[in-house]
C-alpha cells in the first residue's frame, strides 16, 4: 500500500443508508479530495449493506457511471 501509483486511482464511495444495524454506527468520513487531487465522489443507495441483492439495478446504474 506504499506504492505512489495507488494515489492516482480514482475512487468512488457508495454509502448504503438504510440499515437499522448501521444507523447506530458512525459513517466513515470521506475526505473531500481524493489522493489524486480530484473531488471525492460519494453516492448513496437507500438500502442496507447487501445492495447487490436488495437494489441490484440501482447499484448497476451507479457502477455504469464510473469512468
N, C-alpha and C. Protein backbone atom coordinates (compact mmCIF):
# COMPACT_ATOMS: atom_id res chain seq x y z
N UNK A 1 0.81 -1.20 0.00
CA UNK A 1 0.00 0.00 0.00
C UNK A 1 0.86 1.27 0.00
N UNK A 2 2.16 1.12 -0.07
CA UNK A 2 3.04 2.28 -0.11
C UNK A 2 3.34 2.74 -1.53
N UNK A 3 2.83 2.06 -2.53
CA UNK A 3 3.12 2.39 -3.92
C UNK A 3 2.45 3.73 -4.27
N UNK A 4 3.20 4.75 -4.69
CA UNK A 4 2.62 6.04 -5.03
C UNK A 4 1.60 5.98 -6.17
N UNK A 5 1.70 4.96 -7.01
CA UNK A 5 0.74 4.83 -8.11
C UNK A 5 -0.68 4.62 -7.60
N UNK A 6 -0.82 4.09 -6.40
CA UNK A 6 -2.16 3.87 -5.84
C UNK A 6 -2.92 5.18 -5.67
N UNK A 7 -2.22 6.25 -5.40
CA UNK A 7 -2.88 7.54 -5.20
C UNK A 7 -3.48 8.07 -6.50
N UNK A 8 -3.08 7.56 -7.64
CA UNK A 8 -3.60 8.05 -8.91
C UNK A 8 -4.91 7.38 -9.32
N UNK A 9 -5.29 6.32 -8.64
CA UNK A 9 -6.51 5.59 -8.99
C UNK A 9 -7.73 6.35 -8.47
N UNK A 10 -8.69 6.69 -9.35
CA UNK A 10 -9.89 7.38 -8.89
C UNK A 10 -10.71 6.48 -7.96
N UNK A 11 -11.38 7.11 -7.02
CA UNK A 11 -12.19 6.36 -6.04
C UNK A 11 -13.60 6.88 -6.04
N UNK A 12 -14.53 5.98 -5.81
CA UNK A 12 -15.93 6.33 -5.62
C UNK A 12 -16.43 5.57 -4.41
N UNK A 13 -17.15 6.27 -3.55
CA UNK A 13 -17.70 5.66 -2.34
C UNK A 13 -19.21 5.53 -2.51
N UNK A 14 -19.74 4.35 -2.23
CA UNK A 14 -21.19 4.14 -2.27
C UNK A 14 -21.62 3.84 -0.85
N UNK A 15 -22.38 4.76 -0.27
CA UNK A 15 -22.87 4.57 1.08
C UNK A 15 -24.28 3.98 1.03
N UNK A 16 -24.47 2.87 1.71
CA UNK A 16 -25.79 2.26 1.84
C UNK A 16 -26.40 2.85 3.11
N UNK A 17 -27.52 3.54 2.93
CA UNK A 17 -28.01 4.41 4.00
C UNK A 17 -29.20 3.88 4.80
N UNK A 18 -29.75 2.73 4.46
CA UNK A 18 -30.94 2.25 5.16
C UNK A 18 -30.67 0.90 5.80
N UNK A 19 -30.21 0.94 7.03
CA UNK A 19 -29.94 -0.30 7.74
C UNK A 19 -30.06 -0.04 9.23
N UNK A 20 -30.96 -0.72 9.89
CA UNK A 20 -31.18 -0.49 11.32
C UNK A 20 -29.92 -0.73 12.13
N UNK A 21 -29.12 -1.71 11.73
CA UNK A 21 -27.90 -2.01 12.48
C UNK A 21 -26.88 -0.88 12.34
N UNK A 22 -26.67 -0.40 11.14
CA UNK A 22 -25.66 0.63 10.93
C UNK A 22 -26.16 2.03 11.26
N UNK A 23 -27.47 2.21 11.45
CA UNK A 23 -27.97 3.54 11.83
C UNK A 23 -27.35 3.99 13.15
N UNK A 24 -27.00 3.05 14.00
CA UNK A 24 -26.41 3.39 15.29
C UNK A 24 -24.91 3.62 15.19
N UNK A 25 -24.31 3.25 14.06
CA UNK A 25 -22.87 3.38 13.89
C UNK A 25 -22.52 4.65 13.13
N UNK A 26 -21.38 5.23 13.41
CA UNK A 26 -20.98 6.41 12.63
C UNK A 26 -20.58 6.03 11.22
N UNK A 27 -20.84 6.92 10.27
CA UNK A 27 -20.44 6.70 8.89
C UNK A 27 -18.97 7.08 8.77
N UNK A 28 -18.20 6.24 8.11
CA UNK A 28 -16.79 6.55 7.93
C UNK A 28 -16.67 7.80 7.07
N UNK A 29 -15.97 8.82 7.54
CA UNK A 29 -15.87 10.04 6.75
C UNK A 29 -15.06 9.84 5.47
N UNK A 30 -15.45 10.55 4.46
CA UNK A 30 -14.74 10.52 3.18
C UNK A 30 -14.07 11.89 3.02
N UNK A 31 -12.77 11.92 2.82
CA UNK A 31 -12.10 13.21 2.61
C UNK A 31 -12.70 13.92 1.39
N UNK A 32 -12.79 15.25 1.42
CA UNK A 32 -13.39 15.97 0.30
C UNK A 32 -12.59 15.90 -0.99
N UNK A 33 -11.30 15.57 -0.87
CA UNK A 33 -10.44 15.48 -2.04
C UNK A 33 -9.77 14.11 -2.05
N UNK A 34 -9.76 13.46 -3.21
CA UNK A 34 -9.11 12.17 -3.37
C UNK A 34 -7.59 12.35 -3.37
N UNK A 35 -6.84 11.27 -3.12
CA UNK A 35 -5.38 11.38 -3.17
C UNK A 35 -4.84 11.89 -4.52
N UNK A 36 -5.60 11.68 -5.60
CA UNK A 36 -5.14 12.15 -6.91
C UNK A 36 -5.50 13.62 -7.15
N UNK A 37 -6.13 14.27 -6.17
CA UNK A 37 -6.47 15.68 -6.28
C UNK A 37 -7.88 15.95 -6.79
N UNK A 38 -8.59 14.94 -7.26
CA UNK A 38 -9.96 15.11 -7.74
C UNK A 38 -10.92 15.23 -6.55
N UNK A 39 -12.06 15.89 -6.76
CA UNK A 39 -13.06 15.92 -5.69
C UNK A 39 -13.56 14.52 -5.38
N UNK A 40 -13.90 14.29 -4.13
CA UNK A 40 -14.43 12.99 -3.72
C UNK A 40 -15.78 12.74 -4.38
N UNK A 41 -16.03 11.49 -4.73
CA UNK A 41 -17.33 11.08 -5.25
C UNK A 41 -17.97 10.17 -4.21
N UNK A 42 -19.12 10.59 -3.71
CA UNK A 42 -19.86 9.80 -2.74
C UNK A 42 -21.29 9.69 -3.23
N UNK A 43 -21.73 8.46 -3.44
CA UNK A 43 -23.09 8.20 -3.87
C UNK A 43 -23.80 7.44 -2.75
N UNK A 44 -25.12 7.56 -2.70
CA UNK A 44 -25.90 6.88 -1.68
C UNK A 44 -26.95 5.99 -2.33
N UNK A 45 -27.19 4.86 -1.68
CA UNK A 45 -28.28 3.96 -2.05
C UNK A 45 -29.13 3.76 -0.80
N UNK A 46 -30.45 3.91 -0.92
CA UNK A 46 -31.32 3.72 0.25
C UNK A 46 -31.57 2.23 0.51
N UNK A 47 -30.55 1.56 0.95
CA UNK A 47 -30.63 0.13 1.21
C UNK A 47 -29.60 -0.24 2.25
N UNK A 48 -29.61 -1.47 2.66
CA UNK A 48 -28.62 -1.96 3.62
C UNK A 48 -27.34 -2.39 2.92
N UNK A 49 -26.50 -3.06 3.67
CA UNK A 49 -25.16 -3.45 3.21
C UNK A 49 -25.18 -4.36 1.98
N UNK A 50 -26.20 -5.19 1.84
CA UNK A 50 -26.26 -6.14 0.72
C UNK A 50 -26.95 -5.52 -0.49
N UNK A 51 -26.45 -4.37 -0.93
CA UNK A 51 -27.11 -3.63 -2.01
C UNK A 51 -27.15 -4.44 -3.30
N UNK A 52 -26.19 -5.33 -3.51
CA UNK A 52 -26.18 -6.12 -4.74
C UNK A 52 -27.34 -7.12 -4.78
N UNK A 53 -27.93 -7.37 -3.62
CA UNK A 53 -29.07 -8.27 -3.53
C UNK A 53 -30.37 -7.49 -3.48
N UNK A 54 -30.40 -6.41 -2.67
CA UNK A 54 -31.64 -5.67 -2.47
C UNK A 54 -31.90 -4.59 -3.51
N UNK A 55 -30.87 -4.05 -4.13
CA UNK A 55 -31.02 -2.99 -5.14
C UNK A 55 -30.05 -3.23 -6.31
N UNK A 56 -30.12 -4.40 -6.96
CA UNK A 56 -29.13 -4.70 -7.99
C UNK A 56 -29.18 -3.75 -9.19
N UNK A 57 -30.34 -3.37 -9.64
CA UNK A 57 -30.44 -2.48 -10.80
C UNK A 57 -29.89 -1.10 -10.47
N UNK A 58 -30.22 -0.60 -9.27
CA UNK A 58 -29.74 0.71 -8.86
C UNK A 58 -28.21 0.71 -8.69
N UNK A 59 -27.68 -0.35 -8.10
CA UNK A 59 -26.23 -0.46 -7.94
C UNK A 59 -25.56 -0.54 -9.32
N UNK A 60 -26.10 -1.33 -10.21
CA UNK A 60 -25.53 -1.45 -11.56
C UNK A 60 -25.56 -0.10 -12.26
N UNK A 61 -26.61 0.67 -12.06
CA UNK A 61 -26.68 2.00 -12.66
C UNK A 61 -25.58 2.92 -12.16
N UNK A 62 -25.29 2.85 -10.87
CA UNK A 62 -24.19 3.66 -10.33
C UNK A 62 -22.84 3.18 -10.87
N UNK A 63 -22.66 1.88 -10.91
CA UNK A 63 -21.38 1.35 -11.39
C UNK A 63 -21.13 1.67 -12.85
N UNK A 64 -22.22 1.75 -13.63
CA UNK A 64 -22.07 2.12 -15.06
C UNK A 64 -21.61 3.56 -15.24
N UNK A 65 -21.80 4.40 -14.22
CA UNK A 65 -21.38 5.80 -14.29
C UNK A 65 -19.86 5.96 -14.08
N UNK A 66 -19.20 4.94 -13.61
CA UNK A 66 -17.76 5.05 -13.33
C UNK A 66 -16.99 5.27 -14.60
N UNK A 67 -15.95 6.06 -14.49
CA UNK A 67 -15.08 6.36 -15.65
C UNK A 67 -14.28 5.15 -16.04
